[in-house]
Amino acid sequence: MTHDLFDSLIAAQKTKTDKQKKIIEIAIKLFAEKGFANTSTAEIAKMANVSEGTIFKHYGTKDKLLLSIILPFVKDSLPSIANEVFSEVLTEDTKTFEQFLKGFLKNRIEFFDRNKEIFRVFVKEVIYKDELKKEIGPHFIKNISLLISRVVEEFKQRGELKDKPTDQVLIYLMTVCGSFFVSRFVLFENYSISDEEVENFVHFVMDGIRNPLSEASS
């Protein structure tokens, strides 16, 4: 299942009033179309049919408005979405960690490609704004790292991966995979990732974590 990020962000605003939801809906659309820096609160207010003072009353600043968009999604929606993704990728047919990694990358590539405008805005702002990182980072790491850790542990027990501390393997995976997605979908516009590039990247990752003895016995 490929989630629509816009719909997921709106659905996460359960406690907001209709007026607040309209502000957030317009803000997301404008951020995606024009970029965060190029969108003013005045523009958001005009399209949402509210006064600019209403936005300041509810959110204070444009940065806090962005945080109010992302935080409910990361806290309330991301855990269930992450579980769905891992259930889709990690099936009975997934015999190796390499197969899991290929399936996970292709699944997320489809998602990021479909939602790249919103993804690009949010990632750029989270990277450069300390407040956003502090608020969002712990929730993201908690939800994603736990799931990946379980998969790593399973394939370590099967002997496919090196007997390294799981947290070290996790940091390596999140660093290289995060850099892969950010470089393709944030730094380069209209970038298309081929199956060959995915294969080459997975081989590169597996070279760092595969247990050499598992290759010898296969």
N, C-alpha and C. Protein backbone atom coordinates (compact mmCIF):
# COMPACT_ATOMS: atom_id res chain seq x y z
N MET A 1 0.84 -1.20 0.00
CA MET A 1 0.00 0.00 0.00
C MET A 1 0.88 1.25 0.00
N THR A 2 0.61 2.14 -0.95
CA THR A 2 1.36 3.40 -1.01
C THR A 2 0.49 4.52 -0.45
N HIS A 3 0.85 5.03 0.70
CA HIS A 3 0.05 6.06 1.34
C HIS A 3 0.22 7.41 0.65
N ASP A 4 -0.88 8.19 0.64
CA ASP A 4 -0.80 9.56 0.17
C ASP A 4 -0.45 10.41 1.39
N LEU A 5 0.70 11.05 1.35
CA LEU A 5 1.19 11.79 2.51
C LEU A 5 0.28 12.94 2.86
N PHE A 6 -0.25 13.61 1.86
CA PHE A 6 -1.15 14.74 2.12
C PHE A 6 -2.37 14.27 2.93
N ASP A 7 -3.00 13.19 2.49
CA ASP A 7 -4.17 12.66 3.19
C ASP A 7 -3.81 12.22 4.61
N SER A 8 -2.63 11.61 4.76
CA SER A 8 -2.21 11.13 6.07
C SER A 8 -1.95 12.29 7.03
N LEU A 9 -1.38 13.37 6.52
CA LEU A 9 -1.13 14.55 7.35
C LEU A 9 -2.43 15.19 7.81
N ILE A 10 -3.40 15.26 6.92
CA ILE A 10 -4.70 15.83 7.28
C ILE A 10 -5.43 14.93 8.26
N ALA A 11 -5.38 13.62 8.02
CA ALA A 11 -6.09 12.67 8.89
C ALA A 11 -5.54 12.70 10.31
N ALA A 12 -4.27 13.08 10.46
CA ALA A 12 -3.65 13.10 11.79
C ALA A 12 -4.12 14.29 12.63
N GLN A 13 -4.80 15.25 12.00
CA GLN A 13 -5.24 16.46 12.71
C GLN A 13 -6.59 16.25 13.39
N LYS A 14 -6.69 15.20 14.18
CA LYS A 14 -7.99 14.79 14.75
C LYS A 14 -8.55 15.80 15.74
N THR A 15 -7.71 16.44 16.50
CA THR A 15 -8.19 17.33 17.56
C THR A 15 -8.38 18.78 17.09
N LYS A 16 -8.09 19.05 15.84
CA LYS A 16 -8.17 20.42 15.34
C LYS A 16 -9.61 20.78 14.94
N THR A 17 -9.92 22.06 15.00
CA THR A 17 -11.22 22.55 14.53
C THR A 17 -11.23 22.55 13.00
N ASP A 18 -12.41 22.71 12.42
CA ASP A 18 -12.50 22.75 10.96
C ASP A 18 -11.69 23.91 10.39
N LYS A 19 -11.70 25.04 11.09
CA LYS A 19 -10.93 26.20 10.63
C LYS A 19 -9.43 25.91 10.65
N GLN A 20 -8.97 25.25 11.72
CA GLN A 20 -7.55 24.90 11.81
C GLN A 20 -7.16 23.89 10.74
N LYS A 21 -8.04 22.93 10.51
CA LYS A 21 -7.76 21.93 9.47
C LYS A 21 -7.65 22.59 8.09
N LYS A 22 -8.49 23.60 7.85
CA LYS A 22 -8.44 24.30 6.56
C LYS A 22 -7.12 25.06 6.43
N ILE A 23 -6.68 25.70 7.49
CA ILE A 23 -5.38 26.41 7.48
C ILE A 23 -4.26 25.43 7.17
N ILE A 24 -4.28 24.29 7.83
CA ILE A 24 -3.23 23.30 7.64
C ILE A 24 -3.26 22.72 6.23
N GLU A 25 -4.45 22.46 5.73
CA GLU A 25 -4.59 21.93 4.37
C GLU A 25 -4.00 22.89 3.34
N ILE A 26 -4.34 24.17 3.47
CA ILE A 26 -3.82 25.17 2.54
C ILE A 26 -2.30 25.32 2.71
N ALA A 27 -1.84 25.31 3.95
CA ALA A 27 -0.40 25.46 4.21
C ALA A 27 0.39 24.33 3.55
N ILE A 28 -0.08 23.10 3.68
CA ILE A 28 0.62 21.96 3.08
C ILE A 28 0.70 22.13 1.56
N LYS A 29 -0.43 22.50 0.96
CA LYS A 29 -0.46 22.67 -0.50
C LYS A 29 0.51 23.75 -0.96
N LEU A 30 0.52 24.89 -0.25
CA LEU A 30 1.40 25.98 -0.65
C LEU A 30 2.87 25.64 -0.38
N PHE A 31 3.15 25.01 0.75
CA PHE A 31 4.54 24.59 1.03
C PHE A 31 5.05 23.67 -0.06
N ALA A 32 4.19 22.74 -0.51
CA ALA A 32 4.59 21.79 -1.54
C ALA A 32 4.79 22.47 -2.89
N GLU A 33 3.92 23.43 -3.21
CA GLU A 33 3.98 24.11 -4.51
C GLU A 33 5.10 25.14 -4.58
N LYS A 34 5.27 25.94 -3.51
CA LYS A 34 6.17 27.08 -3.56
C LYS A 34 7.42 26.93 -2.70
N GLY A 35 7.40 25.96 -1.78
CA GLY A 35 8.48 25.84 -0.82
C GLY A 35 8.11 26.57 0.46
N PHE A 36 8.70 26.17 1.56
CA PHE A 36 8.36 26.75 2.86
C PHE A 36 8.77 28.22 2.94
N ALA A 37 9.99 28.53 2.53
CA ALA A 37 10.51 29.90 2.63
C ALA A 37 9.74 30.88 1.75
N ASN A 38 9.22 30.40 0.63
CA ASN A 38 8.54 31.27 -0.33
C ASN A 38 7.05 31.41 -0.07
N THR A 39 6.57 30.79 0.97
CA THR A 39 5.15 30.87 1.32
C THR A 39 4.98 31.77 2.55
N SER A 40 4.11 32.74 2.46
CA SER A 40 3.88 33.65 3.59
C SER A 40 2.60 33.27 4.33
N THR A 41 2.54 33.66 5.59
CA THR A 41 1.31 33.41 6.36
C THR A 41 0.15 34.21 5.78
N ALA A 42 0.45 35.32 5.15
CA ALA A 42 -0.60 36.13 4.52
C ALA A 42 -1.25 35.35 3.37
N GLU A 43 -0.44 34.67 2.58
CA GLU A 43 -0.98 33.85 1.49
C GLU A 43 -1.84 32.71 2.01
N ILE A 44 -1.34 32.06 3.06
CA ILE A 44 -2.10 30.96 3.65
C ILE A 44 -3.44 31.46 4.16
N ALA A 45 -3.41 32.60 4.86
CA ALA A 45 -4.64 33.16 5.42
C ALA A 45 -5.65 33.51 4.33
N LYS A 46 -5.16 34.11 3.25
CA LYS A 46 -6.05 34.51 2.16
C LYS A 46 -6.74 33.31 1.54
N MET A 47 -5.99 32.25 1.25
CA MET A 47 -6.56 31.07 0.61
C MET A 47 -7.44 30.27 1.56
N ALA A 48 -7.16 30.38 2.87
CA ALA A 48 -7.97 29.65 3.86
C ALA A 48 -9.18 30.47 4.33
N ASN A 49 -9.30 31.69 3.80
CA ASN A 49 -10.40 32.59 4.16
C ASN A 49 -10.43 32.89 5.66
N VAL A 50 -9.26 33.14 6.21
CA VAL A 50 -9.16 33.57 7.60
C VAL A 50 -8.23 34.78 7.66
N SER A 51 -8.19 35.44 8.78
CA SER A 51 -7.26 36.55 8.92
C SER A 51 -5.88 36.01 9.26
N GLU A 52 -4.86 36.78 8.95
CA GLU A 52 -3.50 36.37 9.31
C GLU A 52 -3.37 36.29 10.83
N GLY A 53 -4.13 37.14 11.52
CA GLY A 53 -4.11 37.11 12.98
C GLY A 53 -4.62 35.79 13.55
N THR A 54 -5.54 35.15 12.83
CA THR A 54 -6.05 33.85 13.26
C THR A 54 -4.93 32.80 13.25
N ILE A 55 -4.09 32.87 12.22
CA ILE A 55 -2.95 31.94 12.13
C ILE A 55 -1.99 32.19 13.28
N PHE A 56 -1.70 33.45 13.54
CA PHE A 56 -0.79 33.79 14.64
C PHE A 56 -1.39 33.37 15.99
N LYS A 57 -2.71 33.52 16.11
CA LYS A 57 -3.38 33.14 17.36
C LYS A 57 -3.23 31.65 17.64
N HIS A 58 -3.43 30.83 16.61
CA HIS A 58 -3.39 29.39 16.80
C HIS A 58 -1.97 28.82 16.80
N TYR A 59 -1.07 29.43 16.01
CA TYR A 59 0.24 28.79 15.79
C TYR A 59 1.43 29.67 16.17
N GLY A 60 1.23 30.97 16.24
CA GLY A 60 2.31 31.85 16.64
C GLY A 60 3.24 32.23 15.50
N THR A 61 3.90 31.24 14.92
CA THR A 61 4.84 31.50 13.82
C THR A 61 4.64 30.46 12.72
N LYS A 62 5.23 30.73 11.58
CA LYS A 62 5.14 29.78 10.47
C LYS A 62 5.87 28.48 10.82
N ASP A 63 6.97 28.58 11.56
CA ASP A 63 7.70 27.38 11.99
C ASP A 63 6.82 26.50 12.87
N LYS A 64 6.09 27.14 13.79
CA LYS A 64 5.21 26.37 14.68
C LYS A 64 4.03 25.78 13.91
N LEU A 65 3.60 26.45 12.86
CA LEU A 65 2.56 25.91 12.00
C LEU A 65 3.06 24.63 11.33
N LEU A 66 4.28 24.68 10.83
CA LEU A 66 4.87 23.49 10.20
C LEU A 66 4.98 22.35 11.21
N LEU A 67 5.42 22.68 12.42
CA LEU A 67 5.54 21.65 13.46
C LEU A 67 4.18 21.04 13.78
N SER A 68 3.15 21.87 13.82
CA SER A 68 1.81 21.37 14.13
C SER A 68 1.27 20.46 13.02
N ILE A 69 1.83 20.59 11.83
CA ILE A 69 1.45 19.71 10.72
C ILE A 69 2.15 18.36 10.84
N ILE A 70 3.44 18.40 11.13
CA ILE A 70 4.25 17.18 11.11
C ILE A 70 4.09 16.35 12.39
N LEU A 71 4.07 17.02 13.55
CA LEU A 71 4.14 16.29 14.82
C LEU A 71 2.99 15.30 15.03
N PRO A 72 1.72 15.68 14.80
CA PRO A 72 0.64 14.70 14.97
C PRO A 72 0.79 13.48 14.07
N PHE A 73 1.28 13.72 12.86
CA PHE A 73 1.50 12.61 11.92
C PHE A 73 2.57 11.66 12.44
N VAL A 74 3.69 12.23 12.90
CA VAL A 74 4.80 11.41 13.38
C VAL A 74 4.41 10.65 14.65
N LYS A 75 3.64 11.30 15.54
CA LYS A 75 3.26 10.68 16.81
C LYS A 75 2.15 9.65 16.66
N ASP A 76 1.14 9.98 15.85
CA ASP A 76 -0.08 9.17 15.83
C ASP A 76 -0.24 8.28 14.60
N SER A 77 0.22 8.74 13.45
CA SER A 77 0.00 7.99 12.20
C SER A 77 1.20 7.16 11.78
N LEU A 78 2.41 7.66 12.02
CA LEU A 78 3.61 6.97 11.56
C LEU A 78 3.73 5.55 12.11
N PRO A 79 3.44 5.29 13.40
CA PRO A 79 3.60 3.92 13.91
C PRO A 79 2.79 2.89 13.13
N SER A 80 1.52 3.19 12.87
CA SER A 80 0.68 2.21 12.14
C SER A 80 1.11 2.08 10.69
N ILE A 81 1.53 3.19 10.07
CA ILE A 81 2.00 3.14 8.69
C ILE A 81 3.27 2.31 8.60
N ALA A 82 4.19 2.53 9.56
CA ALA A 82 5.44 1.76 9.57
C ALA A 82 5.17 0.28 9.72
N ASN A 83 4.24 -0.08 10.59
CA ASN A 83 3.90 -1.49 10.77
C ASN A 83 3.32 -2.09 9.50
N GLU A 84 2.49 -1.33 8.79
CA GLU A 84 1.93 -1.81 7.53
C GLU A 84 3.02 -2.05 6.50
N VAL A 85 3.96 -1.10 6.42
CA VAL A 85 5.05 -1.23 5.44
C VAL A 85 5.88 -2.48 5.72
N PHE A 86 6.24 -2.67 6.98
CA PHE A 86 7.06 -3.83 7.33
C PHE A 86 6.31 -5.13 7.10
N SER A 87 5.00 -5.11 7.31
CA SER A 87 4.20 -6.31 7.06
C SER A 87 4.16 -6.64 5.57
N GLU A 88 4.12 -5.60 4.74
CA GLU A 88 4.12 -5.80 3.29
C GLU A 88 5.45 -6.35 2.80
N VAL A 89 6.54 -5.85 3.39
CA VAL A 89 7.88 -6.19 2.90
C VAL A 89 8.39 -7.50 3.51
N LEU A 90 8.13 -7.68 4.80
CA LEU A 90 8.66 -8.85 5.51
C LEU A 90 7.59 -9.94 5.54
N THR A 91 7.56 -10.77 4.50
CA THR A 91 6.57 -11.83 4.37
C THR A 91 7.25 -13.19 4.51
N GLU A 92 6.46 -14.24 4.38
CA GLU A 92 7.01 -15.60 4.46
C GLU A 92 7.98 -15.87 3.32
N ASP A 93 7.84 -15.12 2.23
CA ASP A 93 8.73 -15.31 1.08
C ASP A 93 10.06 -14.57 1.24
N THR A 94 10.17 -13.75 2.29
CA THR A 94 11.41 -13.01 2.52
C THR A 94 12.40 -13.92 3.25
N LYS A 95 13.31 -14.49 2.51
CA LYS A 95 14.24 -15.48 3.08
C LYS A 95 15.54 -14.87 3.56
N THR A 96 15.91 -13.68 3.05
CA THR A 96 17.18 -13.08 3.41
C THR A 96 16.99 -11.60 3.75
N PHE A 97 17.95 -11.04 4.48
CA PHE A 97 17.90 -9.62 4.79
C PHE A 97 18.06 -8.80 3.51
N GLU A 98 18.82 -9.31 2.58
CA GLU A 98 19.00 -8.61 1.30
C GLU A 98 17.66 -8.46 0.58
N GLN A 99 16.83 -9.52 0.60
CA GLN A 99 15.51 -9.44 -0.01
C GLN A 99 14.65 -8.41 0.73
N PHE A 100 14.72 -8.43 2.05
CA PHE A 100 13.97 -7.46 2.84
C PHE A 100 14.38 -6.04 2.48
N LEU A 101 15.69 -5.80 2.40
CA LEU A 101 16.19 -4.45 2.13
C LEU A 101 15.76 -3.97 0.75
N LYS A 102 15.83 -4.84 -0.25
CA LYS A 102 15.38 -4.47 -1.60
C LYS A 102 13.89 -4.13 -1.59
N GLY A 103 13.10 -4.98 -0.93
CA GLY A 103 11.66 -4.74 -0.88
C GLY A 103 11.32 -3.45 -0.16
N PHE A 104 12.03 -3.18 0.94
CA PHE A 104 11.80 -1.96 1.71
C PHE A 104 12.14 -0.72 0.88
N LEU A 105 13.29 -0.76 0.21
CA LEU A 105 13.71 0.39 -0.59
C LEU A 105 12.73 0.67 -1.73
N LYS A 106 12.31 -0.37 -2.42
CA LYS A 106 11.38 -0.18 -3.54
C LYS A 106 10.03 0.33 -3.05
N ASN A 107 9.60 -0.16 -1.89
CA ASN A 107 8.35 0.31 -1.31
C ASN A 107 8.42 1.80 -0.98
N ARG A 108 9.51 2.22 -0.34
CA ARG A 108 9.65 3.62 0.06
C ARG A 108 9.97 4.53 -1.12
N ILE A 109 10.65 4.01 -2.14
CA ILE A 109 10.90 4.80 -3.34
C ILE A 109 9.57 5.18 -4.00
N GLU A 110 8.67 4.21 -4.07
CA GLU A 110 7.34 4.48 -4.64
C GLU A 110 6.62 5.55 -3.82
N PHE A 111 6.72 5.43 -2.49
CA PHE A 111 6.07 6.40 -1.61
C PHE A 111 6.66 7.79 -1.78
N PHE A 112 8.00 7.90 -1.73
CA PHE A 112 8.64 9.21 -1.81
C PHE A 112 8.45 9.84 -3.19
N ASP A 113 8.43 9.01 -4.23
CA ASP A 113 8.24 9.53 -5.58
C ASP A 113 6.83 10.13 -5.70
N ARG A 114 5.87 9.47 -5.09
CA ARG A 114 4.49 9.94 -5.15
C ARG A 114 4.30 11.21 -4.33
N ASN A 115 5.08 11.35 -3.26
CA ASN A 115 4.90 12.47 -2.33
C ASN A 115 6.13 13.39 -2.26
N LYS A 116 6.89 13.45 -3.34
CA LYS A 116 8.21 14.09 -3.26
C LYS A 116 8.15 15.59 -2.98
N GLU A 117 7.10 16.29 -3.42
CA GLU A 117 7.05 17.73 -3.17
C GLU A 117 6.92 18.01 -1.68
N ILE A 118 5.99 17.31 -1.02
CA ILE A 118 5.81 17.51 0.42
C ILE A 118 7.01 16.98 1.18
N PHE A 119 7.49 15.80 0.79
CA PHE A 119 8.64 15.19 1.45
C PHE A 119 9.85 16.12 1.38
N ARG A 120 10.08 16.72 0.23
CA ARG A 120 11.23 17.60 0.04
C ARG A 120 11.17 18.80 0.98
N VAL A 121 10.00 19.42 1.10
CA VAL A 121 9.84 20.58 1.98
C VAL A 121 10.10 20.19 3.43
N PHE A 122 9.47 19.12 3.88
CA PHE A 122 9.57 18.74 5.28
C PHE A 122 10.98 18.33 5.66
N VAL A 123 11.64 17.56 4.81
CA VAL A 123 13.00 17.11 5.13
C VAL A 123 13.96 18.29 5.21
N LYS A 124 13.86 19.21 4.26
CA LYS A 124 14.73 20.38 4.28
C LYS A 124 14.57 21.17 5.57
N GLU A 125 13.34 21.38 5.97
CA GLU A 125 13.09 22.18 7.17
C GLU A 125 13.51 21.45 8.44
N VAL A 126 13.27 20.15 8.51
CA VAL A 126 13.66 19.38 9.69
C VAL A 126 15.18 19.34 9.82
N ILE A 127 15.88 19.23 8.69
CA ILE A 127 17.34 19.17 8.71
C ILE A 127 17.93 20.47 9.28
N TYR A 128 17.35 21.60 8.88
CA TYR A 128 17.97 22.88 9.22
C TYR A 128 17.37 23.58 10.44
N LYS A 129 16.28 23.06 10.97
CA LYS A 129 15.65 23.72 12.12
C LYS A 129 15.77 22.84 13.35
N ASP A 130 16.53 23.32 14.33
CA ASP A 130 16.80 22.52 15.54
C ASP A 130 15.52 22.18 16.30
N GLU A 131 14.57 23.12 16.36
CA GLU A 131 13.34 22.86 17.12
C GLU A 131 12.57 21.69 16.51
N LEU A 132 12.50 21.68 15.19
CA LEU A 132 11.80 20.58 14.51
C LEU A 132 12.51 19.26 14.76
N LYS A 133 13.84 19.28 14.67
CA LYS A 133 14.61 18.05 14.91
C LYS A 133 14.37 17.52 16.32
N LYS A 134 14.40 18.41 17.30
CA LYS A 134 14.24 17.99 18.69
C LYS A 134 12.85 17.43 18.95
N GLU A 135 11.85 18.01 18.33
CA GLU A 135 10.47 17.58 18.55
C GLU A 135 10.14 16.29 17.80
N ILE A 136 10.62 16.19 16.57
CA ILE A 136 10.20 15.09 15.69
C ILE A 136 11.15 13.90 15.76
N GLY A 137 12.45 14.18 15.89
CA GLY A 137 13.46 13.12 15.85
C GLY A 137 13.20 11.94 16.76
N PRO A 138 12.94 12.19 18.06
CA PRO A 138 12.74 11.06 18.98
C PRO A 138 11.57 10.15 18.60
N HIS A 139 10.46 10.74 18.12
CA HIS A 139 9.31 9.93 17.72
C HIS A 139 9.63 9.10 16.48
N PHE A 140 10.31 9.71 15.53
CA PHE A 140 10.66 9.01 14.30
C PHE A 140 11.61 7.85 14.61
N ILE A 141 12.64 8.13 15.39
CA ILE A 141 13.63 7.10 15.71
C ILE A 141 13.00 5.97 16.50
N LYS A 142 12.15 6.32 17.46
CA LYS A 142 11.51 5.31 18.29
C LYS A 142 10.69 4.34 17.45
N ASN A 143 9.89 4.85 16.54
CA ASN A 143 8.99 4.02 15.76
C ASN A 143 9.70 3.20 14.69
N ILE A 144 10.65 3.81 14.01
CA ILE A 144 11.32 3.12 12.91
C ILE A 144 12.43 2.21 13.41
N SER A 145 13.22 2.69 14.37
CA SER A 145 14.37 1.91 14.82
C SER A 145 13.95 0.61 15.49
N LEU A 146 12.84 0.62 16.21
CA LEU A 146 12.38 -0.59 16.87
C LEU A 146 12.05 -1.68 15.86
N LEU A 147 11.38 -1.30 14.79
CA LEU A 147 11.00 -2.28 13.77
C LEU A 147 12.23 -2.82 13.04
N ILE A 148 13.13 -1.92 12.66
CA ILE A 148 14.33 -2.37 11.95
C ILE A 148 15.20 -3.23 12.86
N SER A 149 15.27 -2.88 14.14
CA SER A 149 16.07 -3.66 15.09
C SER A 149 15.58 -5.10 15.16
N ARG A 150 14.28 -5.29 15.16
CA ARG A 150 13.71 -6.64 15.22
C ARG A 150 14.11 -7.45 13.98
N VAL A 151 14.09 -6.79 12.83
CA VAL A 151 14.47 -7.48 11.60
C VAL A 151 15.96 -7.83 11.62
N VAL A 152 16.78 -6.89 12.06
CA VAL A 152 18.22 -7.13 12.14
C VAL A 152 18.51 -8.29 13.08
N GLU A 153 17.86 -8.30 14.25
CA GLU A 153 18.07 -9.37 15.22
C GLU A 153 17.70 -10.73 14.62
N GLU A 154 16.60 -10.77 13.90
CA GLU A 154 16.16 -12.03 13.30
C GLU A 154 17.18 -12.58 12.32
N PHE A 155 17.70 -11.71 11.47
CA PHE A 155 18.64 -12.20 10.46
C PHE A 155 20.05 -12.38 11.03
N LYS A 156 20.35 -11.73 12.13
CA LYS A 156 21.59 -12.05 12.85
C LYS A 156 21.51 -13.46 13.41
N GLN A 157 20.36 -13.81 13.96
CA GLN A 157 20.18 -15.15 14.51
C GLN A 157 20.24 -16.22 13.42
N ARG A 158 19.82 -15.85 12.22
CA ARG A 158 19.90 -16.80 11.10
C ARG A 158 21.32 -16.91 10.56
N GLY A 159 22.20 -16.02 11.02
CA GLY A 159 23.59 -16.09 10.60
C GLY A 159 23.93 -15.32 9.35
N GLU A 160 22.95 -14.56 8.81
CA GLU A 160 23.22 -13.83 7.56
C GLU A 160 24.02 -12.55 7.80
N LEU A 161 23.81 -11.92 8.95
CA LEU A 161 24.47 -10.65 9.23
C LEU A 161 25.60 -10.84 10.24
N LYS A 162 26.54 -9.91 10.21
CA LYS A 162 27.67 -9.94 11.14
C LYS A 162 27.18 -9.85 12.58
N ASP A 163 27.90 -10.47 13.47
CA ASP A 163 27.53 -10.45 14.89
C ASP A 163 28.04 -9.16 15.52
N LYS A 164 27.47 -8.06 15.08
CA LYS A 164 27.80 -6.74 15.61
C LYS A 164 26.62 -6.27 16.46
N PRO A 165 26.84 -5.37 17.42
CA PRO A 165 25.72 -4.83 18.21
C PRO A 165 24.63 -4.27 17.30
N THR A 166 23.41 -4.62 17.60
CA THR A 166 22.29 -4.21 16.74
C THR A 166 22.20 -2.70 16.60
N ASP A 167 22.50 -1.96 17.67
CA ASP A 167 22.41 -0.51 17.57
C ASP A 167 23.42 0.06 16.58
N GLN A 168 24.60 -0.59 16.48
CA GLN A 168 25.60 -0.16 15.50
C GLN A 168 25.12 -0.42 14.07
N VAL A 169 24.56 -1.61 13.86
CA VAL A 169 24.02 -1.95 12.54
C VAL A 169 22.89 -0.99 12.18
N LEU A 170 22.06 -0.68 13.17
CA LEU A 170 20.92 0.21 12.96
C LEU A 170 21.38 1.60 12.53
N ILE A 171 22.37 2.15 13.23
CA ILE A 171 22.90 3.47 12.88
C ILE A 171 23.44 3.47 11.46
N TYR A 172 24.16 2.42 11.11
CA TYR A 172 24.73 2.30 9.76
C TYR A 172 23.61 2.29 8.71
N LEU A 173 22.61 1.46 8.94
CA LEU A 173 21.51 1.33 7.98
C LEU A 173 20.73 2.64 7.83
N MET A 174 20.39 3.26 8.96
CA MET A 174 19.61 4.49 8.90
C MET A 174 20.40 5.63 8.27
N THR A 175 21.71 5.63 8.49
CA THR A 175 22.56 6.68 7.91
C THR A 175 22.65 6.54 6.40
N VAL A 176 22.99 5.34 5.93
CA VAL A 176 23.20 5.17 4.49
C VAL A 176 21.87 5.21 3.74
N CYS A 177 20.82 4.60 4.31
CA CYS A 177 19.53 4.60 3.62
C CYS A 177 18.90 6.00 3.66
N GLY A 178 19.03 6.69 4.79
CA GLY A 178 18.52 8.05 4.88
C GLY A 178 19.21 8.97 3.88
N SER A 179 20.53 8.83 3.77
CA SER A 179 21.29 9.64 2.81
C SER A 179 20.88 9.33 1.37
N PHE A 180 20.60 8.05 1.12
CA PHE A 180 20.18 7.63 -0.22
C PHE A 180 18.88 8.34 -0.61
N PHE A 181 17.89 8.31 0.27
CA PHE A 181 16.60 8.92 -0.05
C PHE A 181 16.69 10.45 -0.12
N VAL A 182 17.38 11.05 0.84
CA VAL A 182 17.47 12.52 0.86
C VAL A 182 18.21 13.03 -0.36
N SER A 183 19.32 12.37 -0.74
CA SER A 183 20.08 12.85 -1.89
C SER A 183 19.27 12.76 -3.17
N ARG A 184 18.49 11.69 -3.33
CA ARG A 184 17.72 11.51 -4.57
C ARG A 184 16.47 12.38 -4.63
N PHE A 185 15.76 12.49 -3.52
CA PHE A 185 14.46 13.16 -3.57
C PHE A 185 14.48 14.59 -3.06
N VAL A 186 15.54 15.00 -2.38
CA VAL A 186 15.60 16.36 -1.85
C VAL A 186 16.62 17.20 -2.61
N LEU A 187 17.82 16.66 -2.80
CA LEU A 187 18.88 17.43 -3.46
C LEU A 187 18.70 17.49 -4.97
N PHE A 188 18.17 16.40 -5.55
CA PHE A 188 17.99 16.36 -7.01
C PHE A 188 16.51 16.33 -7.33
N GLU A 189 16.06 17.25 -8.16
CA GLU A 189 14.66 17.26 -8.56
C GLU A 189 14.45 16.35 -9.76
N ASN A 190 13.25 15.76 -9.82
CA ASN A 190 12.88 14.89 -10.95
C ASN A 190 13.86 13.76 -11.16
N TYR A 191 14.37 13.23 -10.05
CA TYR A 191 15.33 12.13 -10.13
C TYR A 191 14.57 10.81 -10.17
N SER A 192 14.95 9.94 -11.09
CA SER A 192 14.31 8.64 -11.22
C SER A 192 15.29 7.55 -10.80
N ILE A 193 14.89 6.70 -9.86
CA ILE A 193 15.75 5.64 -9.35
C ILE A 193 15.44 4.34 -10.07
N SER A 194 16.43 3.80 -10.75
CA SER A 194 16.23 2.57 -11.51
C SER A 194 16.40 1.34 -10.63
N ASP A 195 15.90 0.20 -11.11
CA ASP A 195 16.09 -1.06 -10.38
C ASP A 195 17.57 -1.40 -10.26
N GLU A 196 18.34 -1.03 -11.28
CA GLU A 196 19.78 -1.30 -11.25
C GLU A 196 20.45 -0.51 -10.13
N GLU A 197 20.02 0.73 -9.94
CA GLU A 197 20.61 1.54 -8.87
C GLU A 197 20.26 0.96 -7.50
N VAL A 198 19.05 0.47 -7.35
CA VAL A 198 18.64 -0.16 -6.09
C VAL A 198 19.50 -1.39 -5.83
N GLU A 199 19.68 -2.22 -6.87
CA GLU A 199 20.50 -3.43 -6.74
C GLU A 199 21.92 -3.07 -6.30
N ASN A 200 22.51 -2.09 -6.96
CA ASN A 200 23.88 -1.68 -6.63
C ASN A 200 23.98 -1.13 -5.21
N PHE A 201 22.99 -0.37 -4.81
CA PHE A 201 23.00 0.20 -3.46
C PHE A 201 22.87 -0.90 -2.40
N VAL A 202 21.98 -1.85 -2.65
CA VAL A 202 21.78 -2.95 -1.69
C VAL A 202 23.06 -3.77 -1.56
N HIS A 203 23.73 -4.03 -2.67
CA HIS A 203 25.00 -4.77 -2.62
C HIS A 203 26.04 -4.01 -1.80
N PHE A 204 26.05 -2.69 -1.97
CA PHE A 204 26.99 -1.85 -1.20
C PHE A 204 26.69 -1.96 0.30
N VAL A 205 25.41 -1.88 0.66
CA VAL A 205 25.03 -1.97 2.08
C VAL A 205 25.36 -3.35 2.63
N MET A 206 25.02 -4.39 1.88
CA MET A 206 25.23 -5.75 2.37
C MET A 206 26.71 -6.07 2.54
N ASP A 207 27.56 -5.45 1.74
CA ASP A 207 29.01 -5.65 1.90
C ASP A 207 29.48 -5.22 3.28
N GLY A 208 28.76 -4.28 3.87
CA GLY A 208 29.17 -3.77 5.18
C GLY A 208 28.62 -4.56 6.35
N ILE A 209 27.53 -5.32 6.14
CA ILE A 209 26.89 -5.99 7.28
C ILE A 209 26.73 -7.50 7.10
N ARG A 210 26.98 -8.02 5.90
CA ARG A 210 26.78 -9.47 5.70
C ARG A 210 27.86 -10.28 6.39
N ASN A 211 27.45 -11.36 6.99
CA ASN A 211 28.38 -12.31 7.60
C ASN A 211 29.06 -13.10 6.50
N PRO A 212 30.39 -12.99 6.36
CA PRO A 212 31.10 -13.72 5.29
C PRO A 212 30.85 -15.23 5.34
N LEU A 213 30.62 -15.75 6.52
CA LEU A 213 30.39 -17.19 6.65
C LEU A 213 29.07 -17.61 6.03
N SER A 214 28.10 -16.68 5.99
CA SER A 214 26.80 -17.03 5.38
C SER A 214 26.94 -17.19 3.88
N GLU A 215 27.84 -16.41 3.27
CA GLU A 215 28.08 -16.56 1.83
C GLU A 215 28.77 -17.88 1.53
N ALA A 216 29.71 -18.24 2.41
CA ALA A 216 30.47 -19.48 2.19
C ALA A 216 29.57 -20.71 2.30
N SER A 217 28.53 -20.61 3.16
CA SER A 217 27.66 -21.76 3.39
C SER A 217 26.49 -21.82 2.44
N SER A 218 26.28 -20.72 1.67
CA SER A 218 25.11 -20.68 0.77
C SER A 218 25.44 -21.30 -0.57
